[in-house]
Each structure stands twice: as structure tokens, then as C-alpha cells.
């Protein structure tokens, strides 16, 4: 599960007067925080000139104004190719980012729509989702600089997979934190169970560590249900391009499927995954072998990943706790059903 699926921390009021004058967007009537799926801060803004989405780029990893504007130009080029995106508005100085008080903001037209997870999609709609992501990857190859010449500093390659020795040490540390937590609760009990279970699985499969990542391409970087808006049954906009960068593209397809199509019990809806993956491969011109390698790397990533428990025990941040039961169960189920999962992505 991506970290950007957690709700944001409490936000402060944005400087509406300055921003609305800069954008010539009228006077504010209402301004409501958007609290779903954002690590950055967002607001639903209604003014005398219309309805907007105001984004406060708060995440320090992605808040550089020049980098934001480069991403904005990329989304405009994607929109020109017919990809459904939310293109930001330019203010009176001709830029799409406004810096006020050292903070970066962007204003977008408000898009009416809703988020849909895989349980709400038919197999046909699942295929349409896969085709959409494939089209995004194909169009990014057309509008972005060649991968060999421009590579984001935040995306070094080849990507090393998790070292099980590091994971065993992390598991021991987290188990110690679970034991120290008082008063013990149901979350502690589940965390302890999953940590011991995961350690046993890693001991059984540590010789299956994948090699460094292979072919890379430009990717959205954070493709999940909270970043796709639907109008009726049709995708209306892909939003939040803050993680746009060069990564193994098939891994994004697999990660997205593992988020969209995970059931509450921690199993994937494989018939929908198969429809999604077939459409993705066609649209992105991706070989089955590319998807098979990505399945293996993302499975290994899930097997070694404990970011939700680290947030809970190291930061005291419980915003991702509700995702932990399904996410932790998925790693176990995926290990047991490894061949079936791989078949769903490549056949």
C-alpha cells in the first residue's frame, strides 16, 4: 500500500487572498480541506469565478517549485495526447506554481468525480484501467526526455532489492517494540503474529532474492485508487504526479494491481488482475517476461516491507493502521499463490 493513501496531518489555512489575486480567480466563498489520499495538503475551493482544487505542495521530497513546474509541463503534454489528467492553471506571471511565504501552491480546475477501488470495477472496467496505465507509460515515452540522458536524482538505478539480513534485523527490532508497548492491544497482537509469520517465510525463501532491476521507463510513480478520478464508469483524470520519474515501469503496473485488486482478506482478485494485465501489456507493448520479473520483484518487496509498522511503533503515527490487516495478509497469500499470481499477469 502506498504511503500517499494515508490521510494528511491537520492542515493550516492557505493564504487565499494572495493566491486568488495572483490567479485572478475571484473571491473565496468556501474552502474545505480534502482529507482523502493526500500526503500533501489539498482544498476544495469555491470562489466567485468557479470551483477549484488548491494543492499545497507540502511533502519536502517533491515540493521544489522548479520540479513541480516540470511535472506540470509533462501533464500538459500528456493532455495534448488525450491522456485524462488535471492540468494546472497559470497565474498572471505565467507560471503554474505560486510560492507564498516559502510554500508552493498550485491551482487546478475542480473535477467532479469519485474514487473507485477494484471491488467496484467489473472485469471490463479492470481491463480499461490496465489500458489506461499502459497508455500513460507509452505516452510518457513520447513526451519525456530520453531515459539515458535525464534521470531523476531520486530514482537511482539499478534498484537493489531488499537484503533479507536487514529485514531480519528490522523484524527483531519491531518485535521488541511490540513487546514494550503498553497497554497491549489487538494491533500489537496482529503485528506480533505477522512479524513472526514473515520471519518464517523469509527464512524459507531468502534464496529467492531478485537481482537488481531491469528495464526502466517514465512512470506516474503513485498510481492507486485515490489518484484516479472516475466520472460514472469512465476515468476522468489521473491526479497527483508528484512521483513522476524513471522506474521499472512493469513494477508500477504490478504495484497498482496489488492495491486496486486486493480484497479485505488479503487476496488478489485474479480474474480482474488478468483482464487488467492483458490490457496493460497491449497498451504499453510490454512483454510477458517483463511482467513476470516485475511480479517477482514486487512480491519480494512486499515480503520485506514493514513501513506501516514502522510508522506505528517508531513514529507513533497510526494513520496507516487500517491498511495493515489486508496488506500484511497479502504478502502471505501471495507467497502461497505465487504461481497463480504470476500466471494472471503474463497469460
Protein backbone atom coordinates (compact mmCIF):
# COMPACT_ATOMS: atom_id res chain seq x y z
CA UNK A 1 0.00 0.00 0.00
CA UNK A 2 1.43 3.41 -0.90
CA UNK A 3 2.18 5.93 1.81
CA UNK A 4 0.16 8.53 -0.09
CA UNK A 5 -3.01 6.55 0.68
CA UNK A 6 -2.94 7.80 4.25
CA UNK A 7 -4.83 10.97 5.16
CA UNK A 8 -2.78 14.12 5.70
CA UNK A 9 -1.94 15.63 9.03
CA UNK A 10 -4.02 18.57 10.20
CA UNK A 11 -3.53 21.49 7.86
CA UNK A 12 -3.28 25.22 8.33
CA UNK A 13 -5.35 27.72 6.36
CA UNK A 14 -3.81 28.60 2.97
CA UNK A 15 -3.21 32.28 2.09
CA UNK A 16 -6.32 32.53 -0.05
CA UNK A 17 -6.35 36.27 -0.52
CA UNK A 18 -2.85 36.40 -2.01
CA UNK A 19 -3.35 33.29 -4.11
CA UNK A 20 -6.72 34.26 -5.55
CA UNK A 21 -5.46 37.70 -6.53
CA UNK A 22 -2.44 36.11 -8.21
CA UNK A 23 -4.62 33.73 -10.18
CA UNK A 24 -7.40 36.29 -10.77
CA UNK A 25 -9.78 33.61 -9.51
CA UNK A 26 -12.30 35.83 -7.73
CA UNK A 27 -13.14 35.90 -4.05
CA UNK A 28 -13.37 32.83 -1.84
CA UNK A 29 -16.82 31.57 -0.91
CA UNK A 30 -15.85 28.25 0.67
CA UNK A 31 -12.59 26.40 1.26
CA UNK A 32 -12.75 22.82 2.53
CA UNK A 33 -9.78 20.50 3.19
CA UNK A 34 -9.65 17.35 1.07
CA UNK A 35 -8.67 14.63 3.50
CA UNK A 36 -8.53 11.55 1.30
CA UNK A 37 -5.38 10.12 -0.26
CA UNK A 38 -3.02 13.06 0.15
CA UNK A 39 0.30 13.42 1.93
CA UNK A 40 0.31 16.94 0.51
CA UNK A 41 -2.48 19.27 1.54
CA UNK A 42 -5.44 19.89 -0.72
CA UNK A 43 -8.52 22.09 -0.62
CA UNK A 44 -11.82 22.18 -2.44
CA UNK A 45 -12.20 25.86 -3.23
CA UNK A 46 -15.32 27.64 -4.41
CA UNK A 47 -14.97 31.28 -5.49
CA UNK A 48 -16.99 33.89 -7.31
CA UNK A 49 -15.25 32.73 -10.51
CA UNK A 50 -15.73 28.96 -10.20
CA UNK A 51 -14.63 25.78 -8.44
CA UNK A 52 -11.01 24.76 -8.00
CA UNK A 53 -8.67 22.31 -6.35
CA UNK A 54 -5.90 24.11 -4.46
CA UNK A 55 -2.85 22.00 -3.73
CA UNK A 56 -0.28 22.90 -1.12
CA UNK A 57 2.90 21.01 -2.04
CA UNK A 58 3.93 20.15 1.47
CA UNK A 59 5.95 16.93 1.05
CA UNK A 60 9.61 18.05 1.23
CA UNK A 61 10.64 15.32 -1.21
CA UNK A 62 8.55 16.79 -4.03
CA UNK A 63 7.95 20.46 -3.15
CA UNK A 64 10.72 22.15 -5.19
CA UNK A 65 8.88 24.75 -7.33
CA UNK A 66 11.04 24.19 -10.44
CA UNK A 67 10.48 20.42 -10.26
CA UNK A 68 6.73 20.94 -9.78
CA UNK A 69 6.59 23.11 -12.91
CA UNK A 70 8.48 20.47 -14.90
CA UNK A 71 5.86 17.92 -13.85
CA UNK A 72 3.13 20.38 -14.78
CA UNK A 73 4.57 20.75 -18.29
CA UNK A 74 4.65 16.96 -18.60
CA UNK A 75 0.97 16.67 -17.70
CA UNK A 76 0.09 19.34 -20.26
CA UNK A 77 1.89 17.34 -22.95
CA UNK A 78 0.06 14.20 -21.82
CA UNK A 79 -3.26 16.04 -22.01
CA UNK A 80 -2.40 17.08 -25.57
CA UNK A 81 -2.11 13.34 -26.39
CA UNK A 82 -5.52 12.62 -24.90
CA UNK A 83 -4.46 11.24 -21.50
CA UNK A 84 -7.03 12.27 -18.85
CA UNK A 85 -5.09 14.47 -16.45
CA UNK A 86 -5.75 17.54 -14.33
CA UNK A 87 -3.77 20.36 -15.94
CA UNK A 88 -2.86 23.21 -13.54
CA UNK A 89 -3.78 26.81 -14.22
CA UNK A 90 -1.21 29.53 -14.89
CA UNK A 91 -1.29 32.68 -12.78
CA UNK A 92 -0.80 36.24 -14.01
CA UNK A 93 3.01 35.85 -14.05
CA UNK A 94 2.66 32.93 -16.47
CA UNK A 95 3.73 30.22 -14.05
CA UNK A 96 1.78 27.26 -12.69
CA UNK A 97 3.33 27.34 -9.20
CA UNK A 98 2.81 30.15 -6.71
CA UNK A 99 5.28 30.49 -3.85
CA UNK A 100 3.83 32.34 -0.85
CA UNK A 101 5.63 32.54 2.45
CA UNK A 102 8.09 29.90 1.32
CA UNK A 103 5.32 27.41 0.47
CA UNK A 104 4.45 26.15 -3.02
CA UNK A 105 0.85 26.08 -4.26
CA UNK A 106 -0.87 25.09 -7.50
CA UNK A 107 -4.42 25.74 -8.62
CA UNK A 108 -6.35 23.23 -10.74
CA UNK A 109 -9.88 23.25 -12.13
CA UNK A 110 -12.16 21.20 -9.91
CA UNK A 111 -13.02 17.84 -11.49
CA UNK A 112 -16.25 16.19 -10.44
CA UNK A 113 -15.60 12.54 -9.89
CA UNK A 114 -15.15 9.74 -7.41
CA UNK A 115 -12.52 7.21 -6.48
CA UNK A 116 -13.19 3.54 -7.22
CA UNK A 117 -11.31 0.52 -5.91
CA UNK A 118 -11.07 -2.79 -7.70
CA UNK A 119 -14.03 -4.29 -5.89
CA UNK A 120 -16.22 -1.68 -7.61
CA UNK A 121 -14.86 -2.43 -11.09
CA UNK A 122 -16.12 -5.06 -13.50
CA UNK A 123 -13.64 -7.17 -15.44
CA UNK A 124 -14.18 -4.92 -18.43
CA UNK A 125 -13.52 -1.83 -16.33
CA UNK A 126 -10.44 -3.54 -14.89
CA UNK A 127 -9.17 -4.02 -18.43
CA UNK A 128 -9.86 -0.34 -19.15
CA UNK A 129 -7.79 0.58 -16.09
CA UNK A 130 -4.87 -1.54 -17.32
CA UNK A 131 -5.12 0.01 -20.77
CA UNK A 132 -5.10 3.47 -19.18
CA UNK A 133 -1.89 2.82 -17.25
CA UNK A 134 -0.32 1.27 -20.36
CA UNK A 135 -1.24 4.37 -22.34
CA UNK A 136 0.29 6.57 -19.65
CA UNK A 137 3.59 4.69 -19.89
CA UNK A 138 3.56 4.73 -23.69
CA UNK A 139 2.73 8.44 -23.86
CA UNK A 140 5.34 9.34 -21.26
CA UNK A 141 7.95 7.77 -23.52
CA UNK A 142 6.85 10.21 -26.22
CA UNK A 143 6.78 13.41 -24.16
CA UNK A 144 9.63 12.99 -21.66
CA UNK A 145 13.40 13.24 -22.23
CA UNK A 146 15.26 10.06 -23.19
CA UNK A 147 15.88 7.91 -20.12
CA UNK A 148 19.63 7.70 -20.65
CA UNK A 149 20.04 11.48 -20.76
CA UNK A 150 17.74 12.59 -17.96
CA UNK A 151 17.23 10.61 -14.78
CA UNK A 152 15.73 12.00 -11.56
CA UNK A 153 18.18 12.07 -8.69
CA UNK A 154 15.56 10.40 -6.51
CA UNK A 155 15.43 7.31 -8.76
CA UNK A 156 18.86 5.64 -8.89
CA UNK A 157 19.19 2.51 -11.00
CA UNK A 158 19.77 -0.35 -10.98
CA UNK A 159 17.45 -0.77 -7.98
CA UNK A 160 18.78 -3.13 -5.34
CA UNK A 161 16.19 -5.45 -3.84
CA UNK A 162 15.80 -5.73 -0.08
CA UNK A 163 18.53 -7.64 1.74
CA UNK A 164 16.93 -10.30 3.97
CA UNK A 165 19.67 -9.83 6.58
CA UNK A 166 18.49 -6.23 7.03
CA UNK A 167 14.89 -7.40 7.19
CA UNK A 168 15.62 -10.00 9.89
CA UNK A 169 17.24 -7.26 11.99
CA UNK A 170 14.24 -4.98 11.45
CA UNK A 171 11.82 -7.76 12.43
CA UNK A 172 13.71 -8.32 15.68
CA UNK A 173 13.64 -4.60 16.42
CA UNK A 174 9.92 -4.31 15.71
CA UNK A 175 9.13 -7.37 17.84
CA UNK A 176 10.97 -5.73 20.73
CA UNK A 177 8.91 -2.56 20.26
CA UNK A 178 5.70 -4.60 20.18
CA UNK A 179 6.65 -6.28 23.47
CA UNK A 180 7.37 -2.92 25.12
CA UNK A 181 4.11 -1.32 24.04
CA UNK A 182 1.70 -0.85 26.95
CA UNK A 183 -1.13 -1.41 27.27
CA UNK A 184 -1.02 -4.18 24.68
CA UNK A 185 -3.92 -4.13 22.24
CA UNK A 186 -5.30 -6.04 19.27
CA UNK A 187 -2.99 -4.24 16.85
CA UNK A 188 0.02 -5.40 18.87
CA UNK A 189 -1.25 -8.96 18.75
CA UNK A 190 -1.70 -8.85 14.97
CA UNK A 191 1.66 -7.16 14.47
CA UNK A 192 3.46 -9.82 16.51
CA UNK A 193 1.71 -12.61 14.60
CA UNK A 194 2.58 -11.13 11.21
CA UNK A 195 6.19 -10.41 12.15
CA UNK A 196 6.81 -13.98 13.30
CA UNK A 197 5.00 -15.31 10.25
CA UNK A 198 7.02 -13.10 7.91
CA UNK A 199 10.30 -14.13 9.52
CA UNK A 200 9.46 -17.78 8.90
CA UNK A 201 8.59 -17.04 5.27
CA UNK A 202 11.83 -15.14 4.71
CA UNK A 203 13.84 -17.97 6.22
CA UNK A 204 12.15 -20.30 3.75
CA UNK A 205 12.55 -18.04 0.69
CA UNK A 206 15.65 -15.90 1.32
CA UNK A 207 17.47 -17.60 -1.59
CA UNK A 208 14.88 -16.10 -3.99
CA UNK A 209 16.10 -12.52 -3.64
CA UNK A 210 15.75 -10.91 -7.10
CA UNK A 211 18.69 -9.31 -8.92
CA UNK A 212 18.84 -5.51 -9.48
CA UNK A 213 16.01 -4.04 -11.54
CA UNK A 214 15.99 -4.34 -15.31
CA UNK A 215 14.48 -2.09 -17.97
CA UNK A 216 13.14 1.25 -16.80
CA UNK A 217 10.81 3.89 -18.18
CA UNK A 218 8.94 7.02 -17.18
CA UNK A 219 6.13 6.24 -14.73
CA UNK A 220 3.44 8.10 -12.82
CA UNK A 221 5.04 6.85 -9.61
CA UNK A 222 1.95 6.65 -7.40
CA UNK A 223 -0.86 5.01 -9.37
CA UNK A 224 -3.57 3.87 -6.95
CA UNK A 225 -7.33 4.36 -6.40
CA UNK A 226 -7.04 7.75 -4.67
CA UNK A 227 -5.16 9.14 -7.68
CA UNK A 228 -7.71 8.14 -10.33
CA UNK A 229 -11.00 10.03 -10.57
CA UNK A 230 -13.98 8.45 -12.30
CA UNK A 231 -16.98 10.16 -13.82
CA UNK A 232 -19.66 7.49 -13.93
CA UNK A 233 -17.77 4.43 -15.23
CA UNK A 234 -15.06 6.31 -17.14
CA UNK A 235 -11.68 7.53 -15.80
CA UNK A 236 -11.94 11.33 -15.81
CA UNK A 237 -8.49 12.28 -14.50
CA UNK A 238 -5.26 10.87 -13.18
CA UNK A 239 -4.04 13.20 -10.45
CA UNK A 240 -1.01 13.71 -8.18
CA UNK A 241 2.03 13.45 -10.46
CA UNK A 242 4.48 14.28 -7.67
CA UNK A 243 6.32 10.96 -8.06
CA UNK A 244 6.77 11.18 -11.82
CA UNK A 245 10.15 9.66 -12.57
CA UNK A 246 12.19 6.89 -14.13
CA UNK A 247 11.45 3.49 -12.60
CA UNK A 248 10.91 -0.11 -13.75
CA UNK A 249 7.57 0.52 -15.46
CA UNK A 250 6.16 -3.02 -15.18
CA UNK A 251 6.66 -2.83 -11.43
CA UNK A 252 4.31 0.15 -11.32
CA UNK A 253 1.72 -1.95 -13.14
CA UNK A 254 2.09 -4.79 -10.63
CA UNK A 255 2.08 -2.50 -7.59
CA UNK A 256 -1.05 -0.76 -8.83
CA UNK A 257 -2.83 -4.08 -9.31
CA UNK A 258 -1.83 -5.16 -5.81
CA UNK A 259 -3.53 -2.03 -4.46
CA UNK A 260 -6.62 -1.86 -6.69
CA UNK A 261 -7.47 -5.56 -6.59
CA UNK A 262 -6.60 -6.65 -3.06
CA UNK A 263 -9.58 -7.98 -1.14
CA UNK A 264 -10.09 -7.24 2.58
CA UNK A 265 -8.93 -10.77 3.43
CA UNK A 266 -5.57 -10.08 1.74
CA UNK A 267 -6.07 -11.98 -1.54
CA UNK A 268 -5.99 -10.59 -5.06
CA UNK A 269 -8.98 -10.81 -7.37
CA UNK A 270 -7.06 -12.76 -10.01
CA UNK A 271 -9.70 -12.72 -12.81
CA UNK A 272 -9.71 -8.93 -12.67
CA UNK A 273 -5.92 -8.84 -12.43
CA UNK A 274 -5.71 -10.98 -15.58
CA UNK A 275 -8.01 -8.63 -17.53
CA UNK A 276 -6.08 -5.60 -16.28
CA UNK A 277 -2.67 -7.09 -17.09
CA UNK A 278 -3.60 -8.21 -20.61
CA UNK A 279 -4.83 -4.72 -21.45
CA UNK A 280 -1.75 -3.15 -19.89
CA UNK A 281 0.64 -5.35 -21.88
CA UNK A 282 -1.09 -4.44 -25.14
CA UNK A 283 -1.18 -0.71 -24.45
CA UNK A 284 2.39 -0.49 -23.13
CA UNK A 285 3.82 -3.06 -25.57
CA UNK A 286 5.22 -4.92 -22.55
CA UNK A 287 6.46 -8.49 -22.89
CA UNK A 288 5.16 -11.20 -20.55
CA UNK A 289 8.72 -11.74 -19.33
CA UNK A 290 8.84 -8.08 -18.21
CA UNK A 291 5.69 -8.60 -16.15
CA UNK A 292 6.95 -11.89 -14.71
CA UNK A 293 10.14 -10.23 -13.46
CA UNK A 294 8.11 -7.38 -12.00
CA UNK A 295 5.80 -9.80 -10.18
CA UNK A 296 8.80 -11.41 -8.55
CA UNK A 297 10.38 -8.11 -7.50
CA UNK A 298 7.14 -6.67 -6.10
CA UNK A 299 6.42 -9.93 -4.23
CA UNK A 300 9.87 -9.72 -2.66
CA UNK A 301 9.31 -6.04 -1.88
CA UNK A 302 6.06 -6.89 -0.06
CA UNK A 303 7.73 -9.73 1.82
CA UNK A 304 10.38 -7.36 3.21
CA UNK A 305 8.26 -4.23 3.71
CA UNK A 306 7.12 -3.05 7.15
CA UNK A 307 6.57 0.66 6.65
CA UNK A 308 3.14 0.59 8.33
CA UNK A 309 4.56 -0.98 11.48
CA UNK A 310 7.47 1.44 11.47
CA UNK A 311 5.05 4.37 11.29
CA UNK A 312 3.02 2.90 14.15
CA UNK A 313 5.85 1.98 16.53
CA UNK A 314 8.69 4.33 15.58
CA UNK A 315 6.70 7.48 14.81
CA UNK A 316 3.58 6.91 16.85
CA UNK A 317 1.68 7.61 13.61
CA UNK A 318 -1.43 5.42 13.32
CA UNK A 319 -2.89 6.80 10.08
CA UNK A 320 -1.96 3.65 8.11
CA UNK A 321 -3.14 1.17 10.75
CA UNK A 322 -6.39 0.45 8.92
CA UNK A 323 -4.44 -0.75 5.87
CA UNK A 324 -2.26 -3.18 7.81
CA UNK A 325 -4.57 -6.23 8.10
CA UNK A 326 -5.10 -6.63 4.34
CA UNK A 327 -1.58 -5.55 3.37
CA UNK A 328 0.12 -7.93 5.78
CA UNK A 329 -2.14 -10.81 4.78
CA UNK A 330 -1.41 -10.17 1.09
CA UNK A 331 2.30 -10.99 1.45
CA UNK A 332 1.43 -14.37 2.97
CA UNK A 333 -1.26 -15.18 0.42
CA UNK A 334 0.94 -14.06 -2.49
CA UNK A 335 3.74 -16.37 -1.33
CA UNK A 336 1.34 -19.31 -1.19
CA UNK A 337 -0.28 -18.49 -4.55
CA UNK A 338 2.88 -17.25 -6.28
CA UNK A 339 2.42 -19.28 -9.50
CA UNK A 340 -1.23 -18.29 -9.87
CA UNK A 341 -0.39 -14.61 -9.41
CA UNK A 342 2.38 -14.79 -11.98
CA UNK A 343 0.09 -16.56 -14.46
CA UNK A 344 -2.53 -13.81 -14.04
CA UNK A 345 -0.04 -11.17 -15.10
CA UNK A 346 1.57 -12.98 -18.04
CA UNK A 347 -1.18 -15.06 -19.70
